[in-house]
Every structure is written in C-alpha cells, then in structure tokens.
Amino acid sequence: MGFLLSLRLAWSLGYIIAVPAVVFGFGGAYADKQFGTSPWLLLIGFALAVTLSGLGVYRKVKEILGE
C-alpha cells in the first residue's frame, strides 16, 4: 500500500509543478511574441510558475503532515 501512496504523491506533485510551468511558460513566450518584449514576459511567467508551484507543494506537504 505504501508504494501506491508514494506513486499518488509523486503524480500529484508532478502536476502541481508542471502545469503552472507549462501554462505560464508558454503563455509568456506567446505574449513575448505578440508584443515583441522577449524574454521579459517569459521570465515573469516562469517566476509566477515557480511561486505557484512552491505554494502548491507547501500546501500538499502541510496536508500530508496533517497540520
């Protein structure tokens, strides 16, 4: 049972980290292309992604530890 719990946790953390990176990364790259501001919006997008991912991982760890 421990293996399945670990797999579920890894899958969950993967989504928490990957989804914001993809959305804000591609969104920033697209916006840079549209507005000619390369690479600034891409960098801002990744900074937002890192922040959101960090908060998501923090919440997940807090949930797991039961605090």
PDB file of N, CA and C in Angstrom:
ATOM      1  N   MET A   1       0.814  -1.195   0.000  1.00  0.00           N
ATOM      2  CA  MET A   1       0.000   0.000   0.000  1.00  0.00           C
ATOM      3  C   MET A   1       0.858   1.260   0.000  1.00  0.00           C
ATOM      4  N   GLY A   2       2.039   1.214   0.606  1.00  0.00           N
ATOM      5  CA  GLY A   2       2.939   2.358   0.660  1.00  0.00           C
ATOM      6  C   GLY A   2       3.405   2.784  -0.721  1.00  0.00           C
ATOM      7  N   PHE A   3       3.616   1.802  -1.608  1.00  0.00           N
ATOM      8  CA  PHE A   3       4.058   2.119  -2.959  1.00  0.00           C
ATOM      9  C   PHE A   3       3.011   2.930  -3.704  1.00  0.00           C
ATOM     10  N   LEU A   4       1.752   2.527  -3.588  1.00  0.00           N
ATOM     11  CA  LEU A   4       0.678   3.248  -4.276  1.00  0.00           C
ATOM     12  C   LEU A   4       0.512   4.660  -3.724  1.00  0.00           C
ATOM     13  N   LEU A   5       0.659   4.824  -2.431  1.00  0.00           N
ATOM     14  CA  LEU A   5       0.588   6.147  -1.826  1.00  0.00           C
ATOM     15  C   LEU A   5       1.727   7.029  -2.334  1.00  0.00           C
ATOM     16  N   SER A   6       2.917   6.462  -2.423  1.00  0.00           N
ATOM     17  CA  SER A   6       4.071   7.202  -2.934  1.00  0.00           C
ATOM     18  C   SER A   6       3.876   7.585  -4.396  1.00  0.00           C
ATOM     19  N   LEU A   7       3.341   6.669  -5.168  1.00  0.00           N
ATOM     20  CA  LEU A   7       3.084   6.947  -6.578  1.00  0.00           C
ATOM     21  C   LEU A   7       2.047   8.049  -6.737  1.00  0.00           C
ATOM     22  N   ARG A   8       0.990   8.001  -5.931  1.00  0.00           N
ATOM     23  CA  ARG A   8      -0.040   9.038  -5.983  1.00  0.00           C
ATOM     24  C   ARG A   8       0.531  10.397  -5.595  1.00  0.00           C
ATOM     25  N   LEU A   9       1.388  10.432  -4.592  1.00  0.00           N
ATOM     26  CA  LEU A   9       2.015  11.674  -4.163  1.00  0.00           C
ATOM     27  C   LEU A   9       2.915  12.232  -5.256  1.00  0.00           C
ATOM     28  N   ALA A  10       3.720  11.371  -5.871  1.00  0.00           N
ATOM     29  CA  ALA A  10       4.607  11.815  -6.945  1.00  0.00           C
ATOM     30  C   ALA A  10       3.810  12.356  -8.120  1.00  0.00           C
ATOM     31  N   TRP A  11       2.731  11.689  -8.467  1.00  0.00           N
ATOM     32  CA  TRP A  11       1.875  12.134  -9.571  1.00  0.00           C
ATOM     33  C   TRP A  11       1.270  13.505  -9.245  1.00  0.00           C
ATOM     34  N   SER A  12       0.791  13.663  -8.042  1.00  0.00           N
ATOM     35  CA  SER A  12       0.183  14.912  -7.612  1.00  0.00           C
ATOM     36  C   SER A  12       1.199  16.056  -7.631  1.00  0.00           C
ATOM     37  N   LEU A  13       2.371  15.811  -7.083  1.00  0.00           N
ATOM     38  CA  LEU A  13       3.408  16.846  -7.076  1.00  0.00           C
ATOM     39  C   LEU A  13       3.871  17.174  -8.490  1.00  0.00           C
ATOM     40  N   GLY A  14       3.894  16.172  -9.350  1.00  0.00           N
ATOM     41  CA  GLY A  14       4.255  16.418 -10.741  1.00  0.00           C
ATOM     42  C   GLY A  14       3.300  17.397 -11.401  1.00  0.00           C
ATOM     43  N   TYR A  15       2.012  17.200 -11.170  1.00  0.00           N
ATOM     44  CA  TYR A  15       1.022  18.127 -11.713  1.00  0.00           C
ATOM     45  C   TYR A  15       1.146  19.512 -11.098  1.00  0.00           C
ATOM     46  N   ILE A  16       1.358  19.559  -9.805  1.00  0.00           N
ATOM     47  CA  ILE A  16       1.472  20.848  -9.117  1.00  0.00           C
ATOM     48  C   ILE A  16       2.636  21.659  -9.677  1.00  0.00           C
ATOM     49  N   ILE A  17       3.698  20.992 -10.064  1.00  0.00           N
ATOM     50  CA  ILE A  17       4.875  21.681 -10.581  1.00  0.00           C
ATOM     51  C   ILE A  17       4.780  21.919 -12.089  1.00  0.00           C
ATOM     52  N   ALA A  18       4.329  20.930 -12.836  1.00  0.00           N
ATOM     53  CA  ALA A  18       4.368  21.010 -14.294  1.00  0.00           C
ATOM     54  C   ALA A  18       3.310  21.923 -14.902  1.00  0.00           C
ATOM     55  N   VAL A  19       2.098  21.889 -14.390  1.00  0.00           N
ATOM     56  CA  VAL A  19       1.019  22.660 -15.012  1.00  0.00           C
ATOM     57  C   VAL A  19       1.307  24.164 -14.999  1.00  0.00           C
ATOM     58  N   PRO A  20       1.663  24.766 -13.859  1.00  0.00           N
ATOM     59  CA  PRO A  20       1.977  26.207 -13.918  1.00  0.00           C
ATOM     60  C   PRO A  20       3.178  26.514 -14.821  1.00  0.00           C
ATOM     61  N   ALA A  21       4.185  25.659 -14.812  1.00  0.00           N
ATOM     62  CA  ALA A  21       5.355  25.900 -15.663  1.00  0.00           C
ATOM     63  C   ALA A  21       4.969  25.909 -17.133  1.00  0.00           C
ATOM     64  N   VAL A  22       4.147  24.963 -17.535  1.00  0.00           N
ATOM     65  CA  VAL A  22       3.726  24.894 -18.931  1.00  0.00           C
ATOM     66  C   VAL A  22       2.826  26.072 -19.285  1.00  0.00           C
ATOM     67  N   VAL A  23       1.818  26.324 -18.455  1.00  0.00           N
ATOM     68  CA  VAL A  23       0.851  27.391 -18.757  1.00  0.00           C
ATOM     69  C   VAL A  23       1.533  28.761 -18.786  1.00  0.00           C
ATOM     70  N   PHE A  24       2.257  29.095 -17.725  1.00  0.00           N
ATOM     71  CA  PHE A  24       2.874  30.412 -17.671  1.00  0.00           C
ATOM     72  C   PHE A  24       4.100  30.518 -18.571  1.00  0.00           C
ATOM     73  N   GLY A  25       4.813  29.414 -18.772  1.00  0.00           N
ATOM     74  CA  GLY A  25       5.951  29.432 -19.683  1.00  0.00           C
ATOM     75  C   GLY A  25       5.523  29.667 -21.121  1.00  0.00           C
ATOM     76  N   PHE A  26       4.593  28.850 -21.595  1.00  0.00           N
ATOM     77  CA  PHE A  26       4.105  29.036 -22.961  1.00  0.00           C
ATOM     78  C   PHE A  26       3.312  30.329 -23.102  1.00  0.00           C
ATOM     79  N   GLY A  27       2.568  30.685 -22.067  1.00  0.00           N
ATOM     80  CA  GLY A  27       1.830  31.952 -22.101  1.00  0.00           C
ATOM     81  C   GLY A  27       2.764  33.146 -22.203  1.00  0.00           C
ATOM     82  N   GLY A  28       3.829  33.122 -21.441  1.00  0.00           N
ATOM     83  CA  GLY A  28       4.816  34.197 -21.503  1.00  0.00           C
ATOM     84  C   GLY A  28       5.529  34.251 -22.845  1.00  0.00           C
ATOM     85  N   ALA A  29       5.868  33.091 -23.376  1.00  0.00           N
ATOM     86  CA  ALA A  29       6.527  33.049 -24.691  1.00  0.00           C
ATOM     87  C   ALA A  29       5.590  33.569 -25.779  1.00  0.00           C
ATOM     88  N   TYR A  30       4.327  33.174 -25.705  1.00  0.00           N
ATOM     89  CA  TYR A  30       3.343  33.649 -26.685  1.00  0.00           C
ATOM     90  C   TYR A  30       3.168  35.169 -26.578  1.00  0.00           C
ATOM     91  N   ALA A  31       3.036  35.667 -25.337  1.00  0.00           N
ATOM     92  CA  ALA A  31       2.869  37.109 -25.140  1.00  0.00           C
ATOM     93  C   ALA A  31       4.107  37.869 -25.611  1.00  0.00           C
ATOM     94  N   ASP A  32       5.299  37.326 -25.369  1.00  0.00           N
ATOM     95  CA  ASP A  32       6.524  37.958 -25.868  1.00  0.00           C
ATOM     96  C   ASP A  32       6.503  38.064 -27.386  1.00  0.00           C
ATOM     97  N   LYS A  33       6.054  37.019 -28.030  1.00  0.00           N
ATOM     98  CA  LYS A  33       5.989  37.014 -29.489  1.00  0.00           C
ATOM     99  C   LYS A  33       4.997  38.072 -29.990  1.00  0.00           C
ATOM    100  N   GLN A  34       3.861  38.188 -29.310  1.00  0.00           N
ATOM    101  CA  GLN A  34       2.834  39.141 -29.715  1.00  0.00           C
ATOM    102  C   GLN A  34       3.257  40.589 -29.491  1.00  0.00           C
ATOM    103  N   PHE A  35       3.928  40.849 -28.375  1.00  0.00           N
ATOM    104  CA  PHE A  35       4.256  42.226 -28.002  1.00  0.00           C
ATOM    105  C   PHE A  35       5.714  42.605 -28.269  1.00  0.00           C
ATOM    106  N   GLY A  36       6.534  41.655 -28.712  1.00  0.00           N
ATOM    107  CA  GLY A  36       7.934  41.942 -29.002  1.00  0.00           C
ATOM    108  C   GLY A  36       8.745  42.306 -27.768  1.00  0.00           C
ATOM    109  N   THR A  37       8.445  41.684 -26.647  1.00  0.00           N
ATOM    110  CA  THR A  37       9.121  42.016 -25.389  1.00  0.00           C
ATOM    111  C   THR A  37      10.084  40.928 -24.922  1.00  0.00           C
ATOM    112  N   SER A  38      10.483  40.068 -25.826  1.00  0.00           N
ATOM    113  CA  SER A  38      11.304  38.910 -25.482  1.00  0.00           C
ATOM    114  C   SER A  38      12.542  39.317 -24.706  1.00  0.00           C
ATOM    115  N   PRO A  39      12.891  38.623 -23.684  1.00  0.00           N
ATOM    116  CA  PRO A  39      12.361  37.453 -22.995  1.00  0.00           C
ATOM    117  C   PRO A  39      11.617  37.806 -21.722  1.00  0.00           C
ATOM    118  N   TRP A  40      11.206  39.048 -21.546  1.00  0.00           N
ATOM    119  CA  TRP A  40      10.710  39.520 -20.252  1.00  0.00           C
ATOM    120  C   TRP A  40       9.433  38.835 -19.784  1.00  0.00           C
ATOM    121  N   LEU A  41       8.459  38.708 -20.634  1.00  0.00           N
ATOM    122  CA  LEU A  41       7.215  38.074 -20.195  1.00  0.00           C
ATOM    123  C   LEU A  41       7.397  36.579 -19.941  1.00  0.00           C
ATOM    124  N   LEU A  42       8.295  35.960 -20.684  1.00  0.00           N
ATOM    125  CA  LEU A  42       8.622  34.554 -20.427  1.00  0.00           C
ATOM    126  C   LEU A  42       9.231  34.404 -19.035  1.00  0.00           C
ATOM    127  N   LEU A  43      10.156  35.283 -18.694  1.00  0.00           N
ATOM    128  CA  LEU A  43      10.792  35.227 -17.377  1.00  0.00           C
ATOM    129  C   LEU A  43       9.791  35.514 -16.258  1.00  0.00           C
ATOM    130  N   ILE A  44       8.913  36.478 -16.475  1.00  0.00           N
ATOM    131  CA  ILE A  44       7.868  36.769 -15.486  1.00  0.00           C
ATOM    132  C   ILE A  44       6.939  35.569 -15.339  1.00  0.00           C
ATOM    133  N   GLY A  45       6.601  34.923 -16.462  1.00  0.00           N
ATOM    134  CA  GLY A  45       5.756  33.732 -16.425  1.00  0.00           C
ATOM    135  C   GLY A  45       6.391  32.611 -15.630  1.00  0.00           C
ATOM    136  N   PHE A  46       7.672  32.390 -15.836  1.00  0.00           N
ATOM    137  CA  PHE A  46       8.343  31.337 -15.077  1.00  0.00           C
ATOM    138  C   PHE A  46       8.471  31.697 -13.602  1.00  0.00           C
ATOM    139  N   ALA A  47       8.667  32.974 -13.304  1.00  0.00           N
ATOM    140  CA  ALA A  47       8.711  33.389 -11.894  1.00  0.00           C
ATOM    141  C   ALA A  47       7.358  33.129 -11.222  1.00  0.00           C
ATOM    142  N   LEU A  48       6.276  33.434 -11.919  1.00  0.00           N
ATOM    143  CA  LEU A  48       4.948  33.139 -11.393  1.00  0.00           C
ATOM    144  C   LEU A  48       4.743  31.637 -11.231  1.00  0.00           C
ATOM    145  N   ALA A  49       5.213  30.872 -12.194  1.00  0.00           N
ATOM    146  CA  ALA A  49       5.076  29.413 -12.132  1.00  0.00           C
ATOM    147  C   ALA A  49       5.834  28.847 -10.929  1.00  0.00           C
ATOM    148  N   VAL A  50       7.030  29.334 -10.698  1.00  0.00           N
ATOM    149  CA  VAL A  50       7.821  28.859  -9.557  1.00  0.00           C
ATOM    150  C   VAL A  50       7.122  29.214  -8.250  1.00  0.00           C
ATOM    151  N   THR A  51       6.582  30.428  -8.169  1.00  0.00           N
ATOM    152  CA  THR A  51       5.873  30.854  -6.968  1.00  0.00           C
ATOM    153  C   THR A  51       4.643  29.991  -6.714  1.00  0.00           C
ATOM    154  N   LEU A  52       3.820  29.802  -7.743  1.00  0.00           N
ATOM    155  CA  LEU A  52       2.619  28.989  -7.590  1.00  0.00           C
ATOM    156  C   LEU A  52       2.950  27.535  -7.286  1.00  0.00           C
ATOM    157  N   SER A  53       3.967  27.003  -7.930  1.00  0.00           N
ATOM    158  CA  SER A  53       4.375  25.622  -7.662  1.00  0.00           C
ATOM    159  C   SER A  53       4.877  25.473  -6.236  1.00  0.00           C
ATOM    160  N   GLY A  54       5.647  26.434  -5.777  1.00  0.00           N
ATOM    161  CA  GLY A  54       6.142  26.395  -4.405  1.00  0.00           C
ATOM    162  C   GLY A  54       5.016  26.426  -3.396  1.00  0.00           C
ATOM    163  N   LEU A  55       4.030  27.280  -3.639  1.00  0.00           N
ATOM    164  CA  LEU A  55       2.869  27.330  -2.746  1.00  0.00           C
ATOM    165  C   LEU A  55       2.078  26.028  -2.792  1.00  0.00           C
ATOM    166  N   GLY A  56       1.934  25.462  -3.976  1.00  0.00           N
ATOM    167  CA  GLY A  56       1.208  24.204  -4.112  1.00  0.00           C
ATOM    168  C   GLY A  56       1.899  23.057  -3.395  1.00  0.00           C
ATOM    169  N   VAL A  57       3.209  22.985  -3.535  1.00  0.00           N
ATOM    170  CA  VAL A  57       3.973  21.929  -2.850  1.00  0.00           C
ATOM    171  C   VAL A  57       3.908  22.137  -1.339  1.00  0.00           C
ATOM    172  N   TYR A  58       4.007  23.378  -0.906  1.00  0.00           N
ATOM    173  CA  TYR A  58       3.910  23.677   0.533  1.00  0.00           C
ATOM    174  C   TYR A  58       2.572  23.211   1.093  1.00  0.00           C
ATOM    175  N   ARG A  59       1.493  23.541   0.387  1.00  0.00           N
ATOM    176  CA  ARG A  59       0.162  23.121   0.841  1.00  0.00           C
ATOM    177  C   ARG A  59       0.027  21.601   0.868  1.00  0.00           C
ATOM    178  N   LYS A  60       0.571  20.937  -0.147  1.00  0.00           N
ATOM    179  CA  LYS A  60       0.473  19.477  -0.217  1.00  0.00           C
ATOM    180  C   LYS A  60       1.247  18.839   0.931  1.00  0.00           C
ATOM    181  N   VAL A  61       2.433  19.332   1.212  1.00  0.00           N
ATOM    182  CA  VAL A  61       3.237  18.793   2.318  1.00  0.00           C
ATOM    183  C   VAL A  61       2.529  19.042   3.640  1.00  0.00           C
ATOM    184  N   LYS A  62       1.958  20.233   3.785  1.00  0.00           N
ATOM    185  CA  LYS A  62       1.220  20.559   5.005  1.00  0.00           C
ATOM    186  C   LYS A  62       0.021  19.626   5.170  1.00  0.00           C
ATOM    187  N   GLU A  63      -0.664  19.323   4.073  1.00  0.00           N
ATOM    188  CA  GLU A  63      -1.801  18.398   4.105  1.00  0.00           C
ATOM    189  C   GLU A  63      -1.352  16.999   4.502  1.00  0.00           C
ATOM    190  N   ILE A  64      -0.236  16.561   3.956  1.00  0.00           N
ATOM    191  CA  ILE A  64       0.273  15.217   4.249  1.00  0.00           C
ATOM    192  C   ILE A  64       0.668  15.095   5.714  1.00  0.00           C
ATOM    193  N   LEU A  65       1.312  16.128   6.232  1.00  0.00           N
ATOM    194  CA  LEU A  65       1.752  16.079   7.620  1.00  0.00           C
ATOM    195  C   LEU A  65       0.611  16.314   8.595  1.00  0.00           C
ATOM    196  N   GLY A  66      -0.556  16.705   8.075  1.00  0.00           N
ATOM    197  CA  GLY A  66      -1.733  16.850   8.912  1.00  0.00           C
ATOM    198  C   GLY A  66      -1.743  18.080   9.796  1.00  0.00           C
ATOM    199  N   GLU A  67      -1.118  19.121   9.333  1.00  0.00           N
ATOM    200  CA  GLU A  67      -1.072  20.356  10.146  1.00  0.00           C
ATOM    201  C   GLU A  67      -2.127  21.322   9.708  1.00  0.00           C
TER     202      GLU A  67
END
